[in-house]
Amino acid sequence: MNARTLQAAINKAERFLDLARELQAHFHSGYFNGSKTSGATRRASMDLTRALADLRRPT
């Protein structure tokens, strides 16, 4: 772990949380599929997963 990977993980987490909160605000039914926001949230989740894996990788 170094400062760069830590900051990248923080940035990805903040992006994911912003999108997830936006998606949650538009929640009207039991499903979130099919919107731009849901797709962006899924992508942000995958990016966050990758950043967290990079954070755990020994340097």
PDB file of N, CA and C in Angstrom:
ATOM      1  N   MET A   1       0.849  -1.166   0.000  1.00  0.00           N
ATOM      2  CA  MET A   1       0.000   0.000   0.000  1.00  0.00           C
ATOM      3  C   MET A   1       0.895   1.230   0.000  1.00  0.00           C
ATOM      4  N   ASN A   2       0.530   2.169  -0.828  1.00  0.00           N
ATOM      5  CA  ASN A   2       1.232   3.448  -0.810  1.00  0.00           C
ATOM      6  C   ASN A   2       0.200   4.573  -0.921  1.00  0.00           C
ATOM      7  N   ALA A   3       0.665   5.797  -0.864  1.00  0.00           N
ATOM      8  CA  ALA A   3      -0.243   6.943  -0.861  1.00  0.00           C
ATOM      9  C   ALA A   3      -1.075   7.013  -2.139  1.00  0.00           C
ATOM     10  N   ARG A   4      -0.477   6.635  -3.260  1.00  0.00           N
ATOM     11  CA  ARG A   4      -1.183   6.700  -4.546  1.00  0.00           C
ATOM     12  C   ARG A   4      -2.332   5.703  -4.600  1.00  0.00           C
ATOM     13  N   THR A   5      -2.078   4.452  -4.197  1.00  0.00           N
ATOM     14  CA  THR A   5      -3.144   3.449  -4.242  1.00  0.00           C
ATOM     15  C   THR A   5      -4.221   3.732  -3.205  1.00  0.00           C
ATOM     16  N   LEU A   6      -3.818   4.273  -2.061  1.00  0.00           N
ATOM     17  CA  LEU A   6      -4.796   4.634  -1.039  1.00  0.00           C
ATOM     18  C   LEU A   6      -5.703   5.753  -1.542  1.00  0.00           C
ATOM     19  N   GLN A   7      -5.130   6.776  -2.151  1.00  0.00           N
ATOM     20  CA  GLN A   7      -5.932   7.883  -2.672  1.00  0.00           C
ATOM     21  C   GLN A   7      -6.840   7.417  -3.802  1.00  0.00           C
ATOM     22  N   ALA A   8      -6.346   6.528  -4.646  1.00  0.00           N
ATOM     23  CA  ALA A   8      -7.174   5.996  -5.731  1.00  0.00           C
ATOM     24  C   ALA A   8      -8.377   5.248  -5.170  1.00  0.00           C
ATOM     25  N   ALA A   9      -8.169   4.447  -4.135  1.00  0.00           N
ATOM     26  CA  ALA A   9      -9.275   3.711  -3.516  1.00  0.00           C
ATOM     27  C   ALA A   9     -10.285   4.666  -2.888  1.00  0.00           C
ATOM     28  N   ILE A  10      -9.808   5.703  -2.248  1.00  0.00           N
ATOM     29  CA  ILE A  10     -10.705   6.696  -1.642  1.00  0.00           C
ATOM     30  C   ILE A  10     -11.537   7.382  -2.725  1.00  0.00           C
ATOM     31  N   ASN A  11     -10.893   7.769  -3.813  1.00  0.00           N
ATOM     32  CA  ASN A  11     -11.608   8.428  -4.914  1.00  0.00           C
ATOM     33  C   ASN A  11     -12.670   7.519  -5.512  1.00  0.00           C
ATOM     34  N   LYS A  12     -12.326   6.252  -5.723  1.00  0.00           N
ATOM     35  CA  LYS A  12     -13.285   5.296  -6.286  1.00  0.00           C
ATOM     36  C   LYS A  12     -14.439   5.063  -5.320  1.00  0.00           C
ATOM     37  N   ALA A  13     -14.145   5.001  -4.032  1.00  0.00           N
ATOM     38  CA  ALA A  13     -15.197   4.801  -3.032  1.00  0.00           C
ATOM     39  C   ALA A  13     -16.150   5.989  -3.005  1.00  0.00           C
ATOM     40  N   GLU A  14     -15.615   7.190  -3.070  1.00  0.00           N
ATOM     41  CA  GLU A  14     -16.459   8.387  -3.069  1.00  0.00           C
ATOM     42  C   GLU A  14     -17.332   8.440  -4.314  1.00  0.00           C
ATOM     43  N   ARG A  15     -16.770   8.078  -5.455  1.00  0.00           N
ATOM     44  CA  ARG A  15     -17.541   8.056  -6.704  1.00  0.00           C
ATOM     45  C   ARG A  15     -18.667   7.036  -6.603  1.00  0.00           C
ATOM     46  N   PHE A  16     -18.345   5.837  -6.106  1.00  0.00           N
ATOM     47  CA  PHE A  16     -19.369   4.813  -5.952  1.00  0.00           C
ATOM     48  C   PHE A  16     -20.482   5.278  -5.017  1.00  0.00           C
ATOM     49  N   LEU A  17     -20.117   5.846  -3.878  1.00  0.00           N
ATOM     50  CA  LEU A  17     -21.125   6.295  -2.914  1.00  0.00           C
ATOM     51  C   LEU A  17     -22.014   7.392  -3.493  1.00  0.00           C
ATOM     52  N   ASP A  18     -21.432   8.321  -4.234  1.00  0.00           N
ATOM     53  CA  ASP A  18     -22.227   9.379  -4.862  1.00  0.00           C
ATOM     54  C   ASP A  18     -23.256   8.785  -5.823  1.00  0.00           C
ATOM     55  N   LEU A  19     -22.818   7.855  -6.663  1.00  0.00           N
ATOM     56  CA  LEU A  19     -23.724   7.237  -7.624  1.00  0.00           C
ATOM     57  C   LEU A  19     -24.771   6.369  -6.930  1.00  0.00           C
ATOM     58  N   ALA A  20     -24.366   5.638  -5.911  1.00  0.00           N
ATOM     59  CA  ALA A  20     -25.309   4.784  -5.186  1.00  0.00           C
ATOM     60  C   ALA A  20     -26.378   5.621  -4.494  1.00  0.00           C
ATOM     61  N   ARG A  21     -25.994   6.739  -3.928  1.00  0.00           N
ATOM     62  CA  ARG A  21     -26.974   7.624  -3.278  1.00  0.00           C
ATOM     63  C   ARG A  21     -27.924   8.231  -4.303  1.00  0.00           C
ATOM     64  N   GLU A  22     -27.394   8.593  -5.461  1.00  0.00           N
ATOM     65  CA  GLU A  22     -28.245   9.121  -6.528  1.00  0.00           C
ATOM     66  C   GLU A  22     -29.238   8.058  -6.984  1.00  0.00           C
ATOM     67  N   LEU A  23     -28.766   6.844  -7.150  1.00  0.00           N
ATOM     68  CA  LEU A  23     -29.638   5.746  -7.550  1.00  0.00           C
ATOM     69  C   LEU A  23     -30.694   5.481  -6.484  1.00  0.00           C
ATOM     70  N   GLN A  24     -30.303   5.508  -5.250  1.00  0.00           N
ATOM     71  CA  GLN A  24     -31.226   5.276  -4.145  1.00  0.00           C
ATOM     72  C   GLN A  24     -32.321   6.350  -4.106  1.00  0.00           C
ATOM     73  N   ALA A  25     -31.984   7.573  -4.448  1.00  0.00           N
ATOM     74  CA  ALA A  25     -32.960   8.662  -4.457  1.00  0.00           C
ATOM     75  C   ALA A  25     -34.032   8.452  -5.526  1.00  0.00           C
ATOM     76  N   HIS A  26     -33.708   7.717  -6.579  1.00  0.00           N
ATOM     77  CA  HIS A  26     -34.658   7.455  -7.661  1.00  0.00           C
ATOM     78  C   HIS A  26     -35.327   6.093  -7.520  1.00  0.00           C
ATOM     79  N   PHE A  27     -35.227   5.492  -6.372  1.00  0.00           N
ATOM     80  CA  PHE A  27     -35.774   4.163  -6.131  1.00  0.00           C
ATOM     81  C   PHE A  27     -37.294   4.239  -6.044  1.00  0.00           C
ATOM     82  N   HIS A  28     -37.982   3.568  -6.981  1.00  0.00           N
ATOM     83  CA  HIS A  28     -39.445   3.551  -6.971  1.00  0.00           C
ATOM     84  C   HIS A  28     -40.000   2.138  -6.936  1.00  0.00           C
ATOM     85  N   SER A  29     -39.236   1.168  -7.368  1.00  0.00           N
ATOM     86  CA  SER A  29     -39.696  -0.216  -7.367  1.00  0.00           C
ATOM     87  C   SER A  29     -38.611  -1.084  -6.751  1.00  0.00           C
ATOM     88  N   GLY A  30     -38.755  -2.362  -6.863  1.00  0.00           N
ATOM     89  CA  GLY A  30     -37.801  -3.274  -6.255  1.00  0.00           C
ATOM     90  C   GLY A  30     -36.526  -3.479  -7.055  1.00  0.00           C
ATOM     91  N   TYR A  31     -36.437  -2.895  -8.247  1.00  0.00           N
ATOM     92  CA  TYR A  31     -35.293  -3.141  -9.113  1.00  0.00           C
ATOM     93  C   TYR A  31     -34.708  -1.835  -9.625  1.00  0.00           C
ATOM     94  N   PHE A  32     -33.395  -1.841  -9.853  1.00  0.00           N
ATOM     95  CA  PHE A  32     -32.686  -0.663 -10.342  1.00  0.00           C
ATOM     96  C   PHE A  32     -32.184  -0.841 -11.773  1.00  0.00           C
ATOM     97  N   ASN A  33     -32.471  -1.948 -12.405  1.00  0.00           N
ATOM     98  CA  ASN A  33     -31.885  -2.270 -13.706  1.00  0.00           C
ATOM     99  C   ASN A  33     -32.390  -1.359 -14.815  1.00  0.00           C
ATOM    100  N   GLY A  34     -31.540  -1.139 -15.803  1.00  0.00           N
ATOM    101  CA  GLY A  34     -31.956  -0.502 -17.032  1.00  0.00           C
ATOM    102  C   GLY A  34     -31.762   0.996 -17.150  1.00  0.00           C
ATOM    103  N   SER A  35     -31.214   1.638 -16.157  1.00  0.00           N
ATOM    104  CA  SER A  35     -31.018   3.083 -16.266  1.00  0.00           C
ATOM    105  C   SER A  35     -29.532   3.402 -16.394  1.00  0.00           C
ATOM    106  N   LYS A  36     -29.256   4.617 -16.836  1.00  0.00           N
ATOM    107  CA  LYS A  36     -27.863   5.065 -16.920  1.00  0.00           C
ATOM    108  C   LYS A  36     -27.212   5.057 -15.546  1.00  0.00           C
ATOM    109  N   THR A  37     -27.974   5.485 -14.564  1.00  0.00           N
ATOM    110  CA  THR A  37     -27.430   5.571 -13.208  1.00  0.00           C
ATOM    111  C   THR A  37     -27.102   4.190 -12.659  1.00  0.00           C
ATOM    112  N   SER A  38     -27.961   3.203 -12.930  1.00  0.00           N
ATOM    113  CA  SER A  38     -27.665   1.859 -12.422  1.00  0.00           C
ATOM    114  C   SER A  38     -26.427   1.281 -13.105  1.00  0.00           C
ATOM    115  N   GLY A  39     -26.278   1.539 -14.395  1.00  0.00           N
ATOM    116  CA  GLY A  39     -25.086   1.081 -15.099  1.00  0.00           C
ATOM    117  C   GLY A  39     -23.825   1.755 -14.588  1.00  0.00           C
ATOM    118  N   ALA A  40     -23.918   3.048 -14.348  1.00  0.00           N
ATOM    119  CA  ALA A  40     -22.765   3.786 -13.825  1.00  0.00           C
ATOM    120  C   ALA A  40     -22.412   3.312 -12.421  1.00  0.00           C
ATOM    121  N   THR A  41     -23.428   2.988 -11.633  1.00  0.00           N
ATOM    122  CA  THR A  41     -23.184   2.498 -10.276  1.00  0.00           C
ATOM    123  C   THR A  41     -22.496   1.139 -10.310  1.00  0.00           C
ATOM    124  N   ARG A  42     -22.944   0.273 -11.201  1.00  0.00           N
ATOM    125  CA  ARG A  42     -22.286  -1.039 -11.336  1.00  0.00           C
ATOM    126  C   ARG A  42     -20.831  -0.880 -11.764  1.00  0.00           C
ATOM    127  N   ARG A  43     -20.601   0.009 -12.712  1.00  0.00           N
ATOM    128  CA  ARG A  43     -19.229   0.243 -13.178  1.00  0.00           C
ATOM    129  C   ARG A  43     -18.363   0.798 -12.057  1.00  0.00           C
ATOM    130  N   ALA A  44     -18.907   1.740 -11.290  1.00  0.00           N
ATOM    131  CA  ALA A  44     -18.162   2.311 -10.168  1.00  0.00           C
ATOM    132  C   ALA A  44     -17.857   1.241  -9.128  1.00  0.00           C
ATOM    133  N   SER A  45     -18.779   0.309  -8.945  1.00  0.00           N
ATOM    134  CA  SER A  45     -18.561  -0.795  -8.016  1.00  0.00           C
ATOM    135  C   SER A  45     -17.400  -1.675  -8.481  1.00  0.00           C
ATOM    136  N   MET A  46     -17.369  -1.962  -9.776  1.00  0.00           N
ATOM    137  CA  MET A  46     -16.263  -2.767 -10.309  1.00  0.00           C
ATOM    138  C   MET A  46     -14.932  -2.032 -10.189  1.00  0.00           C
ATOM    139  N   ASP A  47     -14.944  -0.726 -10.466  1.00  0.00           N
ATOM    140  CA  ASP A  47     -13.723   0.075 -10.338  1.00  0.00           C
ATOM    141  C   ASP A  47     -13.236   0.110  -8.892  1.00  0.00           C
ATOM    142  N   LEU A  48     -14.173   0.224  -7.955  1.00  0.00           N
ATOM    143  CA  LEU A  48     -13.818   0.221  -6.535  1.00  0.00           C
ATOM    144  C   LEU A  48     -13.229  -1.127  -6.132  1.00  0.00           C
ATOM    145  N   THR A  49     -13.819  -2.207  -6.612  1.00  0.00           N
ATOM    146  CA  THR A  49     -13.294  -3.541  -6.314  1.00  0.00           C
ATOM    147  C   THR A  49     -11.847  -3.666  -6.776  1.00  0.00           C
ATOM    148  N   ARG A  50     -11.564  -3.177  -7.980  1.00  0.00           N
ATOM    149  CA  ARG A  50     -10.199  -3.231  -8.521  1.00  0.00           C
ATOM    150  C   ARG A  50      -9.254  -2.372  -7.686  1.00  0.00           C
ATOM    151  N   ALA A  51      -9.697  -1.184  -7.296  1.00  0.00           N
ATOM    152  CA  ALA A  51      -8.851  -0.290  -6.495  1.00  0.00           C
ATOM    153  C   ALA A  51      -8.551  -0.903  -5.130  1.00  0.00           C
ATOM    154  N   LEU A  52      -9.533  -1.574  -4.540  1.00  0.00           N
ATOM    155  CA  LEU A  52      -9.304  -2.222  -3.246  1.00  0.00           C
ATOM    156  C   LEU A  52      -8.346  -3.402  -3.383  1.00  0.00           C
ATOM    157  N   ALA A  53      -8.448  -4.135  -4.482  1.00  0.00           N
ATOM    158  CA  ALA A  53      -7.505  -5.229  -4.720  1.00  0.00           C
ATOM    159  C   ALA A  53      -6.090  -4.683  -4.884  1.00  0.00           C
ATOM    160  N   ASP A  54      -5.954  -3.578  -5.605  1.00  0.00           N
ATOM    161  CA  ASP A  54      -4.641  -2.945  -5.765  1.00  0.00           C
ATOM    162  C   ASP A  54      -4.095  -2.483  -4.416  1.00  0.00           C
ATOM    163  N   LEU A  55      -4.979  -2.021  -3.558  1.00  0.00           N
ATOM    164  CA  LEU A  55      -4.581  -1.551  -2.235  1.00  0.00           C
ATOM    165  C   LEU A  55      -4.024  -2.703  -1.392  1.00  0.00           C
ATOM    166  N   ARG A  56      -4.601  -3.885  -1.538  1.00  0.00           N
ATOM    167  CA  ARG A  56      -4.156  -5.048  -0.759  1.00  0.00           C
ATOM    168  C   ARG A  56      -2.894  -5.696  -1.323  1.00  0.00           C
ATOM    169  N   ARG A  57      -2.597  -5.415  -2.582  1.00  0.00           N
ATOM    170  CA  ARG A  57      -1.430  -6.014  -3.227  1.00  0.00           C
ATOM    171  C   ARG A  57      -0.149  -5.471  -2.597  1.00  0.00           C
ATOM    172  N   PRO A  58       0.780  -6.358  -2.240  1.00  0.00           N
ATOM    173  CA  PRO A  58       2.036  -5.876  -1.655  1.00  0.00           C
ATOM    174  C   PRO A  58       2.838  -5.065  -2.676  1.00  0.00           C
ATOM    175  N   THR A  59       3.531  -4.063  -2.170  1.00  0.00           N
ATOM    176  CA  THR A  59       4.326  -3.215  -3.072  1.00  0.00           C
ATOM    177  C   THR A  59       5.786  -3.584  -3.012  1.00  0.00           C
TER     178      THR A  59
END
